[in-house]
């Protein structure tokens, strides 16, 4: 069933939406695709965390030295955390 929601955007959000509209064609389509993409991203992130938890439960916990190394790699790649 369809529903309507009203959302108020500040200038920054309006600019972001305008950028998405250039790709998606309409505000409605841009918002829908952005929401779907964010849900997929969050599900993938959670699936990865769940995988790591199960792996650590079956094997051994990931040690701090490896976590520090991974943080350095992410920092070099500019990945936000």
Protein backbone atom coordinates (compact mmCIF):
# COMPACT_ATOMS: atom_id res chain seq x y z
CA UNK A 1 0.00 0.00 0.00
CA UNK A 2 1.35 3.43 -0.91
CA UNK A 3 1.77 6.16 1.67
CA UNK A 4 2.80 9.80 1.66
CA UNK A 5 5.40 11.42 3.85
CA UNK A 6 6.35 15.06 4.02
CA UNK A 7 10.02 15.88 4.48
CA UNK A 8 11.50 19.34 4.98
CA UNK A 9 14.98 19.83 3.51
CA UNK A 10 17.54 22.45 4.43
CA UNK A 11 19.76 23.97 1.73
CA UNK A 12 22.35 21.19 1.97
CA UNK A 13 19.72 18.48 1.51
CA UNK A 14 18.13 20.39 -1.38
CA UNK A 15 21.51 20.51 -3.10
CA UNK A 16 22.02 16.80 -2.55
CA UNK A 17 18.57 16.05 -3.91
CA UNK A 18 19.20 18.25 -6.95
CA UNK A 19 22.36 16.24 -7.63
CA UNK A 20 20.44 12.98 -7.44
CA UNK A 21 17.68 14.33 -9.68
CA UNK A 22 20.28 14.91 -12.41
CA UNK A 23 20.85 11.16 -12.43
CA UNK A 24 17.39 9.83 -11.61
CA UNK A 25 15.19 12.34 -13.39
CA UNK A 26 12.63 13.24 -10.73
CA UNK A 27 12.65 14.05 -7.03
CA UNK A 28 10.38 11.14 -6.23
CA UNK A 29 12.52 8.63 -8.09
CA UNK A 30 15.72 10.09 -6.64
CA UNK A 31 14.41 9.81 -3.08
CA UNK A 32 13.12 6.27 -3.59
CA UNK A 33 16.39 5.07 -5.12
CA UNK A 34 18.44 6.76 -2.41
CA UNK A 35 16.37 5.11 0.33
CA UNK A 36 16.64 1.71 -1.32
CA UNK A 37 20.40 2.11 -1.76
CA UNK A 38 20.84 3.09 1.89
CA UNK A 39 18.83 0.10 3.11
CA UNK A 40 20.97 -2.23 0.97
CA UNK A 41 24.16 -0.61 2.28
CA UNK A 42 23.07 -1.01 5.89
CA UNK A 43 22.04 -4.63 5.33
CA UNK A 44 25.43 -5.40 3.79
CA UNK A 45 27.20 -3.71 6.69
CA UNK A 46 25.16 -5.67 9.22
CA UNK A 47 25.72 -8.93 7.33
CA UNK A 48 29.46 -8.32 7.47
CA UNK A 49 29.34 -7.64 11.21
CA UNK A 50 27.26 -10.79 11.73
CA UNK A 51 29.75 -12.81 9.65
CA UNK A 52 32.68 -11.51 11.70
CA UNK A 53 30.88 -12.35 14.95
CA UNK A 54 30.14 -15.90 13.79
CA UNK A 55 33.68 -16.37 12.49
CA UNK A 56 35.17 -15.21 15.77
CA UNK A 57 32.82 -17.52 17.69
CA UNK A 58 33.96 -20.53 15.64
CA UNK A 59 37.64 -19.64 15.29
CA UNK A 60 39.49 -17.08 17.36
CA UNK A 61 38.79 -13.39 18.00
CA UNK A 62 40.55 -10.98 15.68
CA UNK A 63 43.52 -9.57 17.57
CA UNK A 64 44.18 -5.87 18.10
CA UNK A 65 47.27 -5.86 15.89
CA UNK A 66 45.18 -7.00 12.92
CA UNK A 67 42.47 -4.45 13.70
CA UNK A 68 45.10 -1.69 13.85
CA UNK A 69 46.49 -2.82 10.48
CA UNK A 70 43.00 -2.79 8.97
CA UNK A 71 42.37 0.72 10.34
CA UNK A 72 45.58 1.93 8.70
CA UNK A 73 44.52 0.45 5.35
CA UNK A 74 41.09 2.10 5.60
CA UNK A 75 42.67 5.42 6.54
CA UNK A 76 45.00 5.29 3.52
CA UNK A 77 42.01 4.57 1.28
CA UNK A 78 40.04 7.45 2.78
CA UNK A 79 37.26 5.25 4.09
CA UNK A 80 35.25 7.04 6.76
CA UNK A 81 34.41 5.30 9.98
